[in-house]
PDB file of N, CA and C in Angstrom:
ATOM      1  N   MET A   1      -4.726 -19.692  -2.618  1.00  0.00           N
ATOM      2  CA  MET A   1      -6.226 -19.068  -2.775  1.00  0.00           C
ATOM      3  C   MET A   1      -6.348 -18.031  -1.577  1.00  0.00           C
ATOM      4  N   PRO A   2      -6.868 -16.980  -2.055  1.00  0.00           N
ATOM      5  CA  PRO A   2      -6.971 -15.673  -1.098  1.00  0.00           C
ATOM      6  C   PRO A   2      -8.093 -16.127  -0.127  1.00  0.00           C
ATOM      7  N   ASP A   3      -7.920 -15.560   0.907  1.00  0.00           N
ATOM      8  CA  ASP A   3      -8.872 -15.480   2.130  1.00  0.00           C
ATOM      9  C   ASP A   3      -9.964 -14.433   1.774  1.00  0.00           C
ATOM     10  N   LEU A   4     -10.895 -14.631   1.353  1.00  0.00           N
ATOM     11  CA  LEU A   4     -11.985 -13.865   0.883  1.00  0.00           C
ATOM     12  C   LEU A   4     -12.316 -12.729   1.996  1.00  0.00           C
ATOM     13  N   ASP A   5     -12.104 -13.028   3.331  1.00  0.00           N
ATOM     14  CA  ASP A   5     -12.544 -12.175   4.498  1.00  0.00           C
ATOM     15  C   ASP A   5     -11.313 -11.428   4.918  1.00  0.00           C
ATOM     16  N   ARG A   6     -10.371 -11.389   4.372  1.00  0.00           N
ATOM     17  CA  ARG A   6      -9.051 -10.676   4.685  1.00  0.00           C
ATOM     18  C   ARG A   6      -8.692  -9.825   3.800  1.00  0.00           C
ATOM     19  N   GLN A   7      -8.555  -8.489   4.646  1.00  0.00           N
ATOM     20  CA  GLN A   7      -7.859  -7.363   3.808  1.00  0.00           C
ATOM     21  C   GLN A   7      -6.676  -6.682   4.659  1.00  0.00           C
ATOM     22  N   ILE A   8      -5.868  -6.002   4.089  1.00  0.00           N
ATOM     23  CA  ILE A   8      -4.504  -5.485   4.784  1.00  0.00           C
ATOM     24  C   ILE A   8      -4.583  -4.091   4.222  1.00  0.00           C
ATOM     25  N   VAL A   9      -3.967  -3.332   4.976  1.00  0.00           N
ATOM     26  CA  VAL A   9      -3.432  -1.920   4.667  1.00  0.00           C
ATOM     27  C   VAL A   9      -1.904  -1.997   4.839  1.00  0.00           C
ATOM     28  N   ILE A  10      -1.256  -1.585   3.733  1.00  0.00           N
ATOM     29  CA  ILE A  10       0.113  -2.071   3.616  1.00  0.00           C
ATOM     30  C   ILE A  10       0.966  -0.789   3.597  1.00  0.00           C
ATOM     31  N   ASP A  11       2.067  -0.750   4.125  1.00  0.00           N
ATOM     32  CA  ASP A  11       3.073   0.287   3.960  1.00  0.00           C
ATOM     33  C   ASP A  11       4.133   0.289   2.836  1.00  0.00           C
ATOM     34  N   THR A  12       4.990   1.306   2.845  1.00  0.00           N
ATOM     35  CA  THR A  12       5.980   1.305   1.834  1.00  0.00           C
ATOM     36  C   THR A  12       6.959   0.353   1.933  1.00  0.00           C
ATOM     37  N   SER A  13       7.642  -0.057   3.146  1.00  0.00           N
ATOM     38  CA  SER A  13       8.628  -0.815   3.183  1.00  0.00           C
ATOM     39  C   SER A  13       8.363  -2.310   2.992  1.00  0.00           C
ATOM     40  N   PRO A  14       6.983  -2.712   3.533  1.00  0.00           N
ATOM     41  CA  PRO A  14       6.840  -4.118   3.231  1.00  0.00           C
ATOM     42  C   PRO A  14       6.679  -4.414   1.556  1.00  0.00           C
ATOM     43  N   LEU A  15       5.923  -3.464   1.003  1.00  0.00           N
ATOM     44  CA  LEU A  15       5.701  -3.522  -0.266  1.00  0.00           C
ATOM     45  C   LEU A  15       7.077  -3.394  -1.197  1.00  0.00           C
ATOM     46  N   LEU A  16       8.104  -2.743  -0.791  1.00  0.00           N
ATOM     47  CA  LEU A  16       9.201  -2.773  -1.515  1.00  0.00           C
ATOM     48  C   LEU A  16      10.277  -3.973  -1.239  1.00  0.00           C
ATOM     49  N   ALA A  17       9.991  -4.429   0.023  1.00  0.00           N
ATOM     50  CA  ALA A  17      10.776  -5.598   0.377  1.00  0.00           C
ATOM     51  C   ALA A  17      10.216  -6.883  -0.451  1.00  0.00           C
ATOM     52  N   LEU A  18       8.734  -6.853  -0.512  1.00  0.00           N
ATOM     53  CA  LEU A  18       8.394  -7.848  -1.334  1.00  0.00           C
ATOM     54  C   LEU A  18       8.920  -7.801  -2.871  1.00  0.00           C
ATOM     55  N   PHE A  19       8.605  -6.525  -3.291  1.00  0.00           N
ATOM     56  CA  PHE A  19       9.082  -6.620  -4.775  1.00  0.00           C
ATOM     57  C   PHE A  19      10.658  -6.743  -4.902  1.00  0.00           C
ATOM     58  N   ALA A  20      11.621  -6.418  -3.823  1.00  0.00           N
ATOM     59  CA  ALA A  20      12.884  -6.874  -3.989  1.00  0.00           C
ATOM     60  C   ALA A  20      13.088  -8.477  -3.915  1.00  0.00           C
ATOM     61  N   ALA A  21      12.374  -9.124  -3.179  1.00  0.00           N
ATOM     62  CA  ALA A  21      12.533 -10.506  -3.050  1.00  0.00           C
ATOM     63  C   ALA A  21      11.642 -11.294  -3.943  1.00  0.00           C
ATOM     64  N   CYS A  22      10.611 -10.870  -4.363  1.00  0.00           N
ATOM     65  CA  CYS A  22      10.148 -11.593  -5.685  1.00  0.00           C
ATOM     66  C   CYS A  22       9.755 -11.162  -6.920  1.00  0.00           C
ATOM     67  N   GLY A  23      10.205  -9.746  -6.857  1.00  0.00           N
ATOM     68  CA  GLY A  23      10.096  -9.269  -8.428  1.00  0.00           C
ATOM     69  C   GLY A  23       8.842  -8.747  -8.797  1.00  0.00           C
ATOM     70  N   ASP A  24       7.819  -8.936  -7.879  1.00  0.00           N
ATOM     71  CA  ASP A  24       6.378  -8.336  -8.144  1.00  0.00           C
ATOM     72  C   ASP A  24       5.482  -8.380  -6.844  1.00  0.00           C
ATOM     73  N   PHE A  25       4.357  -8.142  -6.989  1.00  0.00           N
ATOM     74  CA  PHE A  25       3.363  -7.835  -5.706  1.00  0.00           C
ATOM     75  C   PHE A  25       2.228  -9.068  -5.845  1.00  0.00           C
ATOM     76  N   THR A  26       2.494 -10.181  -6.662  1.00  0.00           N
ATOM     77  CA  THR A  26       1.391 -10.980  -7.004  1.00  0.00           C
ATOM     78  C   THR A  26       1.168 -11.903  -5.543  1.00  0.00           C
ATOM     79  N   ILE A  27       2.061 -11.951  -4.692  1.00  0.00           N
ATOM     80  CA  ILE A  27       1.871 -12.760  -3.538  1.00  0.00           C
ATOM     81  C   ILE A  27       0.943 -12.273  -2.830  1.00  0.00           C
ATOM     82  N   LEU A  28       0.784 -10.886  -2.728  1.00  0.00           N
ATOM     83  CA  LEU A  28      -0.047 -10.241  -1.979  1.00  0.00           C
ATOM     84  C   LEU A  28      -1.581 -10.705  -2.429  1.00  0.00           C
ATOM     85  N   ARG A  29      -1.602 -10.770  -3.798  1.00  0.00           N
ATOM     86  CA  ARG A  29      -2.920 -11.231  -4.378  1.00  0.00           C
ATOM     87  C   ARG A  29      -3.322 -12.490  -3.961  1.00  0.00           C
ATOM     88  N   GLN A  30      -2.238 -13.344  -3.933  1.00  0.00           N
ATOM     89  CA  GLN A  30      -2.645 -14.570  -3.454  1.00  0.00           C
ATOM     90  C   GLN A  30      -3.274 -14.938  -2.091  1.00  0.00           C
ATOM     91  N   LEU A  31      -2.754 -14.099  -1.337  1.00  0.00           N
ATOM     92  CA  LEU A  31      -2.877 -14.046   0.167  1.00  0.00           C
ATOM     93  C   LEU A  31      -4.256 -13.334   0.519  1.00  0.00           C
ATOM     94  N   TYR A  32      -4.510 -12.302  -0.035  1.00  0.00           N
ATOM     95  CA  TYR A  32      -5.524 -11.339   0.352  1.00  0.00           C
ATOM     96  C   TYR A  32      -6.474 -10.978  -0.688  1.00  0.00           C
ATOM     97  N   GLU A  33      -7.711 -10.771  -0.214  1.00  0.00           N
ATOM     98  CA  GLU A  33      -8.800 -10.424  -1.198  1.00  0.00           C
ATOM     99  C   GLU A  33      -8.557  -8.952  -1.607  1.00  0.00           C
ATOM    100  N   THR A  34      -8.220  -8.144  -0.444  1.00  0.00           N
ATOM    101  CA  THR A  34      -8.102  -6.696  -0.746  1.00  0.00           C
ATOM    102  C   THR A  34      -6.715  -6.319   0.003  1.00  0.00           C
ATOM    103  N   VAL A  35      -6.134  -5.378  -0.924  1.00  0.00           N
ATOM    104  CA  VAL A  35      -4.997  -4.763  -0.498  1.00  0.00           C
ATOM    105  C   VAL A  35      -4.924  -3.218  -0.595  1.00  0.00           C
ATOM    106  N   VAL A  36      -5.073  -2.731   0.453  1.00  0.00           N
ATOM    107  CA  VAL A  36      -5.304  -1.125   0.511  1.00  0.00           C
ATOM    108  C   VAL A  36      -3.974  -0.533   0.610  1.00  0.00           C
ATOM    109  N   VAL A  37      -3.573   0.459  -0.373  1.00  0.00           N
ATOM    110  CA  VAL A  37      -2.512   1.282  -0.180  1.00  0.00           C
ATOM    111  C   VAL A  37      -2.831   2.705   0.071  1.00  0.00           C
ATOM    112  N   PRO A  38      -2.530   3.282   1.108  1.00  0.00           N
ATOM    113  CA  PRO A  38      -2.717   4.782   1.588  1.00  0.00           C
ATOM    114  C   PRO A  38      -2.165   5.635   0.623  1.00  0.00           C
ATOM    115  N   CYS A  39      -2.691   6.702   0.404  1.00  0.00           N
ATOM    116  CA  CYS A  39      -2.231   7.626  -0.662  1.00  0.00           C
ATOM    117  C   CYS A  39      -0.779   8.280  -0.394  1.00  0.00           C
ATOM    118  N   GLU A  40      -0.531   8.190   0.857  1.00  0.00           N
ATOM    119  CA  GLU A  40       0.963   8.694   1.164  1.00  0.00           C
ATOM    120  C   GLU A  40       1.934   7.445   0.935  1.00  0.00           C
ATOM    121  N   VAL A  41       1.535   6.219   0.898  1.00  0.00           N
ATOM    122  CA  VAL A  41       2.343   5.223   0.397  1.00  0.00           C
ATOM    123  C   VAL A  41       2.621   5.300  -1.065  1.00  0.00           C
ATOM    124  N   THR A  42       1.462   5.454  -1.714  1.00  0.00           N
ATOM    125  CA  THR A  42       1.435   5.703  -3.301  1.00  0.00           C
ATOM    126  C   THR A  42       2.292   6.794  -3.816  1.00  0.00           C
ATOM    127  N   HIS A  43       2.202   7.783  -3.017  1.00  0.00           N
ATOM    128  CA  HIS A  43       3.243   9.005  -3.266  1.00  0.00           C
ATOM    129  C   HIS A  43       4.774   8.664  -2.987  1.00  0.00           C
ATOM    130  N   GLU A  44       4.822   7.936  -1.799  1.00  0.00           N
ATOM    131  CA  GLU A  44       6.366   7.622  -1.629  1.00  0.00           C
ATOM    132  C   GLU A  44       6.817   6.677  -2.765  1.00  0.00           C
ATOM    133  N   ILE A  45       6.075   5.676  -3.153  1.00  0.00           N
ATOM    134  CA  ILE A  45       6.518   4.811  -4.217  1.00  0.00           C
ATOM    135  C   ILE A  45       6.651   5.408  -5.582  1.00  0.00           C
ATOM    136  N   LEU A  46       5.764   6.257  -5.891  1.00  0.00           N
ATOM    137  CA  LEU A  46       5.791   6.890  -7.355  1.00  0.00           C
ATOM    138  C   LEU A  46       6.827   8.037  -7.304  1.00  0.00           C
ATOM    139  N   CYS A  47       7.198   8.619  -6.352  1.00  0.00           N
ATOM    140  CA  CYS A  47       8.313   9.633  -6.051  1.00  0.00           C
ATOM    141  C   CYS A  47       9.710   8.696  -6.274  1.00  0.00           C
ATOM    142  N   GLY A  48       9.729   7.576  -5.677  1.00  0.00           N
ATOM    143  CA  GLY A  48      10.963   6.640  -5.953  1.00  0.00           C
ATOM    144  C   GLY A  48      12.408   6.892  -6.028  1.00  0.00           C
ATOM    145  N   GLY A  49      12.711   8.157  -5.627  1.00  0.00           N
ATOM    146  CA  GLY A  49      14.177   8.503  -5.799  1.00  0.00           C
ATOM    147  C   GLY A  49      14.435   8.456  -7.125  1.00  0.00           C
ATOM    148  N   SER A  50      16.029   8.471  -7.445  1.00  0.00           N
ATOM    149  CA  SER A  50      16.618   8.439  -8.708  1.00  0.00           C
ATOM    150  C   SER A  50      16.357   6.998  -9.506  1.00  0.00           C
ATOM    151  N   LEU A  51      16.210   6.063  -8.676  1.00  0.00           N
ATOM    152  CA  LEU A  51      16.249   4.539  -9.438  1.00  0.00           C
ATOM    153  C   LEU A  51      14.718   4.260  -9.720  1.00  0.00           C
ATOM    154  N   ARG A  52      13.585   4.909  -9.055  1.00  0.00           N
ATOM    155  CA  ARG A  52      12.418   4.615  -9.284  1.00  0.00           C
ATOM    156  C   ARG A  52      12.000   3.191  -9.172  1.00  0.00           C
ATOM    157  N   PHE A  53      12.518   2.485  -8.021  1.00  0.00           N
ATOM    158  CA  PHE A  53      12.489   1.278  -7.837  1.00  0.00           C
ATOM    159  C   PHE A  53      11.176   0.909  -7.642  1.00  0.00           C
ATOM    160  N   ALA A  54      10.634  -0.222  -8.413  1.00  0.00           N
ATOM    161  CA  ALA A  54       9.217  -0.945  -8.474  1.00  0.00           C
ATOM    162  C   ALA A  54       8.104   0.101  -8.920  1.00  0.00           C
ATOM    163  N   CYS A  55       8.468   1.391  -9.308  1.00  0.00           N
ATOM    164  CA  CYS A  55       7.452   2.268  -9.591  1.00  0.00           C
ATOM    165  C   CYS A  55       6.411   1.771 -10.938  1.00  0.00           C
ATOM    166  N   ALA A  56       7.066   1.584 -11.874  1.00  0.00           N
ATOM    167  CA  ALA A  56       6.400   0.910 -12.996  1.00  0.00           C
ATOM    168  C   ALA A  56       5.512  -0.096 -12.601  1.00  0.00           C
ATOM    169  N   GLU A  57       6.022  -1.173 -11.870  1.00  0.00           N
ATOM    170  CA  GLU A  57       4.987  -2.399 -11.596  1.00  0.00           C
ATOM    171  C   GLU A  57       4.028  -2.213 -10.658  1.00  0.00           C
ATOM    172  N   PHE A  58       4.173  -1.093  -9.764  1.00  0.00           N
ATOM    173  CA  PHE A  58       3.264  -0.542  -8.977  1.00  0.00           C
ATOM    174  C   PHE A  58       2.113   0.171  -9.441  1.00  0.00           C
ATOM    175  N   GLN A  59       2.587   1.019 -10.569  1.00  0.00           N
ATOM    176  CA  GLN A  59       1.336   1.629 -11.518  1.00  0.00           C
ATOM    177  C   GLN A  59       0.739   0.458 -12.060  1.00  0.00           C
ATOM    178  N   ALA A  60       1.411  -0.419 -12.603  1.00  0.00           N
ATOM    179  CA  ALA A  60       0.512  -1.349 -13.503  1.00  0.00           C
ATOM    180  C   ALA A  60      -0.357  -2.237 -12.489  1.00  0.00           C
ATOM    181  N   ASP A  61      -0.221  -2.671 -11.548  1.00  0.00           N
ATOM    182  CA  ASP A  61      -0.957  -3.454 -10.750  1.00  0.00           C
ATOM    183  C   ASP A  61      -2.204  -2.619 -10.241  1.00  0.00           C
ATOM    184  N   ASP A  62      -3.135  -2.731 -10.949  1.00  0.00           N
ATOM    185  CA  ASP A  62      -4.509  -2.012 -10.863  1.00  0.00           C
ATOM    186  C   ASP A  62      -5.461  -2.864  -9.864  1.00  0.00           C
ATOM    187  N   TRP A  63      -4.932  -3.932  -9.463  1.00  0.00           N
ATOM    188  CA  TRP A  63      -5.784  -4.623  -8.480  1.00  0.00           C
ATOM    189  C   TRP A  63      -5.481  -3.987  -7.049  1.00  0.00           C
ATOM    190  N   LEU A  64      -4.214  -3.435  -6.784  1.00  0.00           N
ATOM    191  CA  LEU A  64      -4.109  -2.572  -5.407  1.00  0.00           C
ATOM    192  C   LEU A  64      -5.108  -1.595  -5.364  1.00  0.00           C
ATOM    193  N   GLU A  65      -5.530  -1.697  -4.340  1.00  0.00           N
ATOM    194  CA  GLU A  65      -6.586  -0.496  -3.938  1.00  0.00           C
ATOM    195  C   GLU A  65      -5.899   0.648  -3.457  1.00  0.00           C
ATOM    196  N   LYS A  66      -5.500   1.709  -4.225  1.00  0.00           N
ATOM    197  CA  LYS A  66      -4.685   2.691  -4.048  1.00  0.00           C
ATOM    198  C   LYS A  66      -5.737   3.969  -3.872  1.00  0.00           C
ATOM    199  N   VAL A  67      -5.401   4.162  -2.357  1.00  0.00           N
ATOM    200  CA  VAL A  67      -6.402   5.323  -1.720  1.00  0.00           C
ATOM    201  C   VAL A  67      -6.155   6.785  -2.487  1.00  0.00           C
ATOM    202  N   ALA A  68      -7.038   7.604  -2.932  1.00  0.00           N
ATOM    203  CA  ALA A  68      -6.707   8.873  -3.477  1.00  0.00           C
ATOM    204  C   ALA A  68      -6.566   9.855  -2.857  1.00  0.00           C
ATOM    205  N   SER A  69      -6.910  10.065  -1.616  1.00  0.00           N
ATOM    206  CA  SER A  69      -6.614  11.038  -0.723  1.00  0.00           C
ATOM    207  C   SER A  69      -6.538  10.565   0.994  1.00  0.00           C
ATOM    208  N   PRO A  70      -5.672  11.553   1.437  1.00  0.00           N
ATOM    209  CA  PRO A  70      -5.336  11.072   2.732  1.00  0.00           C
ATOM    210  C   PRO A  70      -6.419  10.972   3.865  1.00  0.00           C
ATOM    211  N   VAL A  71      -6.090   9.908   4.569  1.00  0.00           N
ATOM    212  CA  VAL A  71      -7.029   9.551   5.680  1.00  0.00           C
ATOM    213  C   VAL A  71      -7.077  10.638   6.835  1.00  0.00           C
ATOM    214  N   VAL A  72      -8.033  11.263   7.166  1.00  0.00           N
ATOM    215  CA  VAL A  72      -8.164  12.127   8.106  1.00  0.00           C
ATOM    216  C   VAL A  72      -8.668  11.714   9.351  1.00  0.00           C
ATOM    217  N   VAL A  73      -7.822  11.798  10.346  1.00  0.00           N
ATOM    218  CA  VAL A  73      -8.047  11.415  11.840  1.00  0.00           C
ATOM    219  C   VAL A  73      -8.580  12.373  12.666  1.00  0.00           C
ATOM    220  N   ALA A  74      -9.686  12.406  13.131  1.00  0.00           N
ATOM    221  CA  ALA A  74     -10.285  13.259  14.048  1.00  0.00           C
ATOM    222  C   ALA A  74      -9.600  13.234  15.437  1.00  0.00           C
ATOM    223  N   SER A  75      -9.372  14.419  15.931  1.00  0.00           N
ATOM    224  CA  SER A  75      -8.773  14.357  17.365  1.00  0.00           C
ATOM    225  C   SER A  75      -9.744  14.218  18.293  1.00  0.00           C
ATOM    226  N   ASN A  76      -9.543  13.482  19.449  1.00  0.00           N
ATOM    227  CA  ASN A  76     -10.478  13.305  20.441  1.00  0.00           C
ATOM    228  C   ASN A  76      -9.886  14.183  21.810  1.00  0.00           C
ATOM    229  N   SER A  77     -10.013  15.404  21.472  1.00  0.00           N
ATOM    230  CA  SER A  77      -9.500  16.315  22.764  1.00  0.00           C
ATOM    231  C   SER A  77     -10.694  16.415  23.722  1.00  0.00           C
ATOM    232  N   ARG A  78     -10.274  16.157  24.902  1.00  0.00           N
ATOM    233  CA  ARG A  78     -11.152  16.374  25.896  1.00  0.00           C
ATOM    234  C   ARG A  78     -10.444  17.652  27.009  1.00  0.00           C
ATOM    235  N   SER A  79     -11.326  18.472  27.444  1.00  0.00           N
ATOM    236  CA  SER A  79     -10.862  19.427  28.293  1.00  0.00           C
ATOM    237  C   SER A  79     -10.885  18.871  29.671  1.00  0.00           C
ATOM    238  N   SER A  80      -9.959  19.255  30.273  1.00  0.00           N
ATOM    239  CA  SER A  80      -9.724  18.802  31.632  1.00  0.00           C
ATOM    240  C   SER A  80     -10.428  19.997  32.671  1.00  0.00           C
ATOM    241  N   SER A  81     -11.191  19.395  33.675  1.00  0.00           N
ATOM    242  CA  SER A  81     -11.685  20.436  34.670  1.00  0.00           C
ATOM    243  C   SER A  81     -10.915  20.172  36.107  1.00  0.00           C
TER     244      SER A  81
END
């Protein structure tokens, strides 16, 4: 049963490792209410190299929250005096 208060942001390597070990991504759905996939991760998986490993399954899993645009992190520049 998923922990309704838990969400994760996941990277490419753990997603592909889970797919290699389990054959799908459903364990994430069982463990977490929300699984956020940054747009850069989506891009990496969809490019997938010549084998396109896990690409079709990733596209089919519409419960993954695939972020459409990159996250912009503002710099916190401080002038020295």
